[in-house]
Amino acid sequence: MLATVNLSRAPVGTRRPNLPRVPLSNAPITPISSKHGQQYAHKRSQVYHLLMLGTPFKEIEQRAGVSYSMVYNVHRNLITYGSIHKPKFQALGRRSKFTRADRDALFDELIEHE
């Protein structure tokens, strides 16, 4: 059995127990949803948790099996937006047929009939 060293900076009572590792060939494969670009959701959550523990970027890269740029991007998004994802700036869905001129005309009409 391989000896594992706990490199976590978390307090002793909150550390994950040292369990024997399952060889990759025997590891269960969890289905990954690729809907809306979320194929790396589980890896992002691993990166987030390791960042919260204060783990160095290089160690996160090795533990989570992601690139350094992904770790950096998650860290930057946390600092900038308070979330691991950037906010969506595009309006989703179909444009309204009710134009700004229509809205202003309706507002004026409602004001007149009050």
Protein backbone atom coordinates (compact mmCIF):
# COMPACT_ATOMS: atom_id res chain seq x y z
CA MET A 1 0.00 0.00 0.00
CA LEU A 2 1.26 3.46 -0.87
CA ALA A 3 1.94 5.82 2.00
CA THR A 4 -0.02 9.03 1.63
CA VAL A 5 1.01 12.34 3.09
CA ASN A 6 -1.72 14.78 4.05
CA LEU A 7 -0.63 18.16 2.68
CA SER A 8 -3.87 19.87 3.62
CA ARG A 9 -3.73 23.08 5.62
CA ALA A 10 -7.18 22.42 7.02
CA PRO A 11 -7.59 21.97 10.79
CA VAL A 12 -6.98 18.44 12.02
CA GLY A 13 -10.65 17.65 12.75
CA THR A 14 -11.80 18.65 9.26
CA ARG A 15 -9.24 16.75 7.19
CA ARG A 16 -10.30 13.98 4.88
CA PRO A 17 -9.32 10.57 6.25
CA ASN A 18 -6.45 8.80 4.50
CA LEU A 19 -8.24 6.04 2.62
CA PRO A 20 -6.60 3.53 0.31
CA ARG A 21 -6.68 4.72 -3.30
CA VAL A 22 -8.65 2.77 -5.88
CA PRO A 23 -6.59 1.95 -8.98
CA LEU A 24 -7.78 3.91 -12.01
CA SER A 25 -8.77 0.75 -13.88
CA ASN A 26 -11.19 -0.21 -11.04
CA ALA A 27 -12.51 3.29 -10.38
CA PRO A 28 -16.21 3.78 -11.11
CA ILE A 29 -16.85 6.10 -14.03
CA THR A 30 -19.37 8.79 -13.19
CA PRO A 31 -21.39 10.19 -16.06
CA ILE A 32 -20.50 13.79 -16.83
CA SER A 33 -23.21 16.09 -18.08
CA SER A 34 -22.12 18.11 -21.09
CA LYS A 35 -25.30 20.21 -21.09
CA HIS A 36 -24.57 23.93 -21.36
CA GLY A 37 -20.79 23.49 -21.18
CA GLN A 38 -20.79 21.88 -17.73
CA GLN A 39 -18.54 18.95 -18.60
CA TYR A 40 -15.95 20.10 -16.07
CA ALA A 41 -18.36 20.96 -13.23
CA HIS A 42 -16.97 18.31 -10.87
CA LYS A 43 -13.39 19.40 -11.57
CA ARG A 44 -14.30 23.05 -10.98
CA SER A 45 -15.83 22.10 -7.64
CA GLN A 46 -12.65 20.22 -6.70
CA VAL A 47 -10.57 23.26 -7.66
CA TYR A 48 -12.89 25.51 -5.62
CA HIS A 49 -12.63 23.33 -2.49
CA LEU A 50 -8.85 23.07 -2.75
CA LEU A 51 -8.58 26.85 -3.23
CA MET A 52 -10.69 27.36 -0.09
CA LEU A 53 -8.26 25.14 1.82
CA GLY A 54 -5.36 27.35 0.70
CA THR A 55 -3.70 24.71 -1.46
CA PRO A 56 -1.02 26.03 -3.86
CA PHE A 57 -1.98 26.24 -7.55
CA LYS A 58 0.54 23.62 -8.69
CA GLU A 59 -0.74 21.10 -6.15
CA ILE A 60 -4.37 21.77 -7.16
CA GLU A 61 -3.36 21.20 -10.78
CA GLN A 62 -1.97 17.77 -9.89
CA ARG A 63 -4.71 16.69 -7.47
CA ALA A 64 -7.70 17.73 -9.60
CA GLY A 65 -6.12 16.77 -12.92
CA VAL A 66 -6.76 20.15 -14.54
CA SER A 67 -4.59 22.72 -16.26
CA TYR A 68 -2.90 25.58 -14.45
CA SER A 69 -4.95 28.06 -16.47
CA MET A 70 -8.20 26.50 -15.24
CA VAL A 71 -7.07 26.87 -11.63
CA TYR A 72 -6.05 30.46 -12.31
CA ASN A 73 -9.37 31.25 -14.06
CA VAL A 74 -11.43 29.81 -11.19
CA HIS A 75 -9.34 31.81 -8.71
CA ARG A 76 -9.72 35.01 -10.76
CA ASN A 77 -13.49 34.51 -11.11
CA LEU A 78 -13.78 34.00 -7.34
CA ILE A 79 -11.95 37.25 -6.67
CA THR A 80 -13.71 39.26 -9.39
CA TYR A 81 -17.28 37.93 -9.28
CA GLY A 82 -17.51 35.91 -6.04
CA SER A 83 -18.35 32.76 -8.02
CA ILE A 84 -16.42 30.17 -9.99
CA HIS A 85 -18.30 31.21 -13.14
CA LYS A 86 -18.39 34.51 -14.97
CA PRO A 87 -21.86 36.06 -15.03
CA LYS A 88 -23.82 35.81 -18.25
CA PHE A 89 -24.04 39.24 -19.85
CA GLN A 90 -26.07 38.12 -22.85
CA ALA A 91 -29.84 38.15 -22.53
CA LEU A 92 -31.14 34.65 -23.13
CA GLY A 93 -34.18 33.95 -25.24
CA ARG A 94 -36.01 35.68 -28.00
CA ARG A 95 -36.16 39.46 -28.33
CA SER A 96 -39.38 41.13 -27.32
CA LYS A 97 -41.67 42.35 -30.08
CA PHE A 98 -42.73 45.12 -27.73
CA THR A 99 -40.26 47.84 -28.74
CA ARG A 100 -39.07 50.77 -26.66
CA ALA A 101 -41.27 53.15 -28.71
CA ASP A 102 -44.30 50.90 -28.06
CA ARG A 103 -43.53 50.89 -24.35
CA ASP A 104 -43.19 54.67 -24.21
CA ALA A 105 -46.44 55.13 -26.18
CA LEU A 106 -48.29 52.75 -23.84
CA PHE A 107 -46.90 54.56 -20.80
CA ASP A 108 -48.05 57.93 -22.19
CA GLU A 109 -51.49 56.47 -22.98
CA LEU A 110 -51.86 55.11 -19.45
CA ILE A 111 -50.79 58.43 -17.93
CA GLU A 112 -53.41 60.30 -20.00
CA HIS A 113 -56.28 58.01 -18.92
CA GLU A 114 -55.50 58.11 -15.20
